[in-house]
C-alpha atoms as a PDB file:
ATOM      1  CA  THR A   1       0.000   0.000   0.000  1.00  0.00           C
ATOM      2  CA  LYS A   2       1.371   3.348  -1.031  1.00  0.00           C
ATOM      3  CA  THR A   3       0.892   6.417   1.112  1.00  0.00           C
ATOM      4  CA  ILE A   4       0.161   9.799  -0.395  1.00  0.00           C
ATOM      5  CA  SER A   5       3.298  11.879  -0.146  1.00  0.00           C
ATOM      6  CA  ARG A   6       2.073  15.140   1.401  1.00  0.00           C
ATOM      7  CA  ARG A   7       0.294  15.770   4.657  1.00  0.00           C
ATOM      8  CA  ILE A   8      -2.567  18.207   4.221  1.00  0.00           C
ATOM      9  CA  SER A   9      -2.315  21.586   5.888  1.00  0.00           C
ATOM     10  CA  LEU A  10      -5.628  23.036   7.080  1.00  0.00           C
ATOM     11  CA  ASN A  11      -6.589  26.661   7.360  1.00  0.00           C
ATOM     12  CA  TRP A  12     -10.003  27.324   8.789  1.00  0.00           C
ATOM     13  CA  ILE A  13     -12.603  29.992   9.033  1.00  0.00           C
ATOM     14  CA  HIS A  14     -15.380  29.829  11.630  1.00  0.00           C
ATOM     15  CA  ARG A  15     -18.412  31.945  10.881  1.00  0.00           C
ATOM     16  CA  GLN A  16     -22.101  32.023  11.530  1.00  0.00           C
ATOM     17  CA  ALA A  17     -24.266  31.610   8.419  1.00  0.00           C
ATOM     18  CA  ALA A  18     -27.719  32.484   9.742  1.00  0.00           C
ATOM     19  CA  GLN A  19     -28.717  32.641  13.374  1.00  0.00           C
ATOM     20  CA  VAL A  20     -32.108  30.992  12.871  1.00  0.00           C
ATOM     21  CA  ALA A  21     -30.657  28.121  10.839  1.00  0.00           C
ATOM     22  CA  GLY A  22     -27.817  27.481  13.250  1.00  0.00           C
ATOM     23  CA  SER A  23     -24.117  27.811  12.481  1.00  0.00           C
ATOM     24  CA  THR A  24     -21.733  27.085   9.637  1.00  0.00           C
ATOM     25  CA  VAL A  25     -18.054  26.009   9.705  1.00  0.00           C
ATOM     26  CA  THR A  26     -15.984  26.550   6.562  1.00  0.00           C
ATOM     27  CA  LEU A  27     -12.736  24.600   6.073  1.00  0.00           C
ATOM     28  CA  THR A  28     -10.058  25.272   3.470  1.00  0.00           C
ATOM     29  CA  TRP A  29      -6.752  23.513   2.882  1.00  0.00           C
ATOM     30  CA  ASN A  30      -3.833  23.358   0.469  1.00  0.00           C
ATOM     31  CA  ALA A  31      -3.992  20.863  -2.389  1.00  0.00           C
ATOM     32  CA  ALA A  32      -2.177  17.572  -1.769  1.00  0.00           C
ATOM     33  CA  ALA A  33       0.216  16.024  -4.303  1.00  0.00           C
ATOM     34  CA  ASP A  34       0.762  12.363  -5.153  1.00  0.00           C
ATOM     35  CA  ASN A  35       2.572  10.447  -7.888  1.00  0.00           C
ATOM     36  CA  VAL A  36      -0.720   8.782  -8.949  1.00  0.00           C
ATOM     37  CA  ALA A  37      -2.829  11.985  -8.733  1.00  0.00           C
ATOM     38  CA  VAL A  38      -4.971  13.028  -5.831  1.00  0.00           C
ATOM     39  CA  ILE A  39      -8.622  12.826  -6.863  1.00  0.00           C
ATOM     40  CA  GLY A  40     -10.358  13.879  -3.676  1.00  0.00           C
ATOM     41  CA  TYR A  41     -10.483  14.639   0.004  1.00  0.00           C
ATOM     42  CA  ARG A  42     -12.323  13.048   2.906  1.00  0.00           C
ATOM     43  CA  ILE A  43     -13.637  15.350   5.608  1.00  0.00           C
ATOM     44  CA  TYR A  44     -14.154  13.954   9.099  1.00  0.00           C
ATOM     45  CA  ARG A  45     -16.125  15.619  11.875  1.00  0.00           C
ATOM     46  CA  ASP A  46     -15.368  14.179  15.320  1.00  0.00           C
ATOM     47  CA  ASP A  47     -13.624  11.211  13.605  1.00  0.00           C
ATOM     48  CA  VAL A  48     -16.696  10.343  11.487  1.00  0.00           C
ATOM     49  CA  LEU A  49     -16.481  10.678   7.698  1.00  0.00           C
ATOM     50  CA  ILE A  50     -19.072  13.269   6.646  1.00  0.00           C
ATOM     51  CA  VAL A  51     -18.262  13.913   2.972  1.00  0.00           C
ATOM     52  CA  GLU A  52     -15.858  13.338   0.090  1.00  0.00           C
ATOM     53  CA  THR A  53     -15.064  16.232  -2.251  1.00  0.00           C
ATOM     54  CA  ASP A  54     -12.665  17.097  -5.036  1.00  0.00           C
ATOM     55  CA  ASN A  55     -12.510  20.714  -3.832  1.00  0.00           C
ATOM     56  CA  THR A  56      -9.949  22.194  -1.423  1.00  0.00           C
ATOM     57  CA  GLY A  57     -12.684  23.466   0.847  1.00  0.00           C
ATOM     58  CA  TYR A  58     -15.930  22.426   2.467  1.00  0.00           C
ATOM     59  CA  THR A  59     -18.715  24.221   4.309  1.00  0.00           C
ATOM     60  CA  ASP A  60     -20.500  22.275   7.044  1.00  0.00           C
ATOM     61  CA  VAL A  61     -23.960  23.819   7.452  1.00  0.00           C
ATOM     62  CA  ASN A  62     -26.990  23.673   9.754  1.00  0.00           C
ATOM     63  CA  LEU A  63     -24.994  22.735  12.837  1.00  0.00           C
ATOM     64  CA  PRO A  64     -26.513  23.189  16.292  1.00  0.00           C
ATOM     65  CA  GLY A  65     -25.422  26.343  18.075  1.00  0.00           C
ATOM     66  CA  SER A  66     -22.926  26.445  20.949  1.00  0.00           C
ATOM     67  CA  THR A  67     -21.432  23.072  20.000  1.00  0.00           C
ATOM     68  CA  GLY A  68     -17.761  22.140  19.603  1.00  0.00           C
ATOM     69  CA  TYR A  69     -16.478  20.090  16.671  1.00  0.00           C
ATOM     70  CA  SER A  70     -13.124  18.664  15.629  1.00  0.00           C
ATOM     71  CA  TYR A  71     -12.366  18.374  11.893  1.00  0.00           C
ATOM     72  CA  THR A  72      -9.671  16.450  10.044  1.00  0.00           C
ATOM     73  CA  VAL A  73      -9.086  15.985   6.318  1.00  0.00           C
ATOM     74  CA  SER A  74      -7.322  13.288   4.322  1.00  0.00           C
ATOM     75  CA  ALA A  75      -6.537  13.018   0.613  1.00  0.00           C
ATOM     76  CA  TYR A  76      -6.994   9.958  -1.570  1.00  0.00           C
ATOM     77  CA  ASP A  77      -5.720   9.025  -5.016  1.00  0.00           C
ATOM     78  CA  ALA A  78      -7.027   7.110  -8.024  1.00  0.00           C
ATOM     79  CA  HIS A  79      -6.037   3.793  -6.384  1.00  0.00           C
ATOM     80  CA  ASN A  80      -7.926   4.726  -3.185  1.00  0.00           C
ATOM     81  CA  ASN A  81      -4.704   5.145  -1.202  1.00  0.00           C
ATOM     82  CA  GLU A  82      -5.467   7.550   1.637  1.00  0.00           C
ATOM     83  CA  SER A  83      -3.096  10.007   3.268  1.00  0.00           C
ATOM     84  CA  PRO A  84      -2.827  10.303   7.031  1.00  0.00           C
ATOM     85  CA  LYS A  85      -5.458  12.639   8.465  1.00  0.00           C
ATOM     86  CA  SER A  86      -4.476  16.245   8.955  1.00  0.00           C
ATOM     87  CA  ALA A  87      -3.960  17.711  12.396  1.00  0.00           C
ATOM     88  CA  PRO A  88      -7.380  18.420  13.926  1.00  0.00           C
ATOM     89  CA  VAL A  89      -8.989  21.831  13.632  1.00  0.00           C
ATOM     90  CA  ASN A  90     -11.435  22.685  16.409  1.00  0.00           C
ATOM     91  CA  ALA A  91     -14.404  25.006  16.000  1.00  0.00           C
ATOM     92  CA  THR A  92     -17.323  25.924  18.243  1.00  0.00           C
ATOM     93  CA  THR A  93     -20.496  27.051  16.540  1.00  0.00           C
ATOM     94  CA  LEU A  94     -22.109  30.274  17.626  1.00  0.00           C
ATOM     95  CA  LYS A  95     -25.168  30.425  19.841  1.00  0.00           C
ATOM     96  CA  SER A  96     -28.424  30.537  17.876  1.00  0.00           C
ATOM     97  CA  VAL A  97     -30.641  33.534  18.589  1.00  0.00           C
ATOM     98  CA  LYS A  98     -34.358  33.133  17.919  1.00  0.00           C
ATOM     99  CA  GLY A  99     -36.084  35.898  16.012  1.00  0.00           C
ATOM    100  CA  PHE A 100     -33.215  36.752  13.625  1.00  0.00           C
ATOM    101  CA  THR A 101     -33.269  35.798   9.958  1.00  0.00           C
END
């Protein structure tokens, strides 16, 4: 089994999307490189896979307010080899306020 050659570096932005709908966490990271070609990324929230994407960013929406989350990302290539997960990024969603739209 081959390991993807570059560990992913995460940059993150934590912002509230709409107070009534809850909170949003937006993740961005640098593209990973591999000798077979990286075709996508796996995003984990609290160690549970939530989505695969071919983008270098993901927005997690409609999260409950005042809740902490830990995110990691891994890359995978055309042979389904997966990189190690990135260092965790922690975010706490903002408190929802009723009556705002």
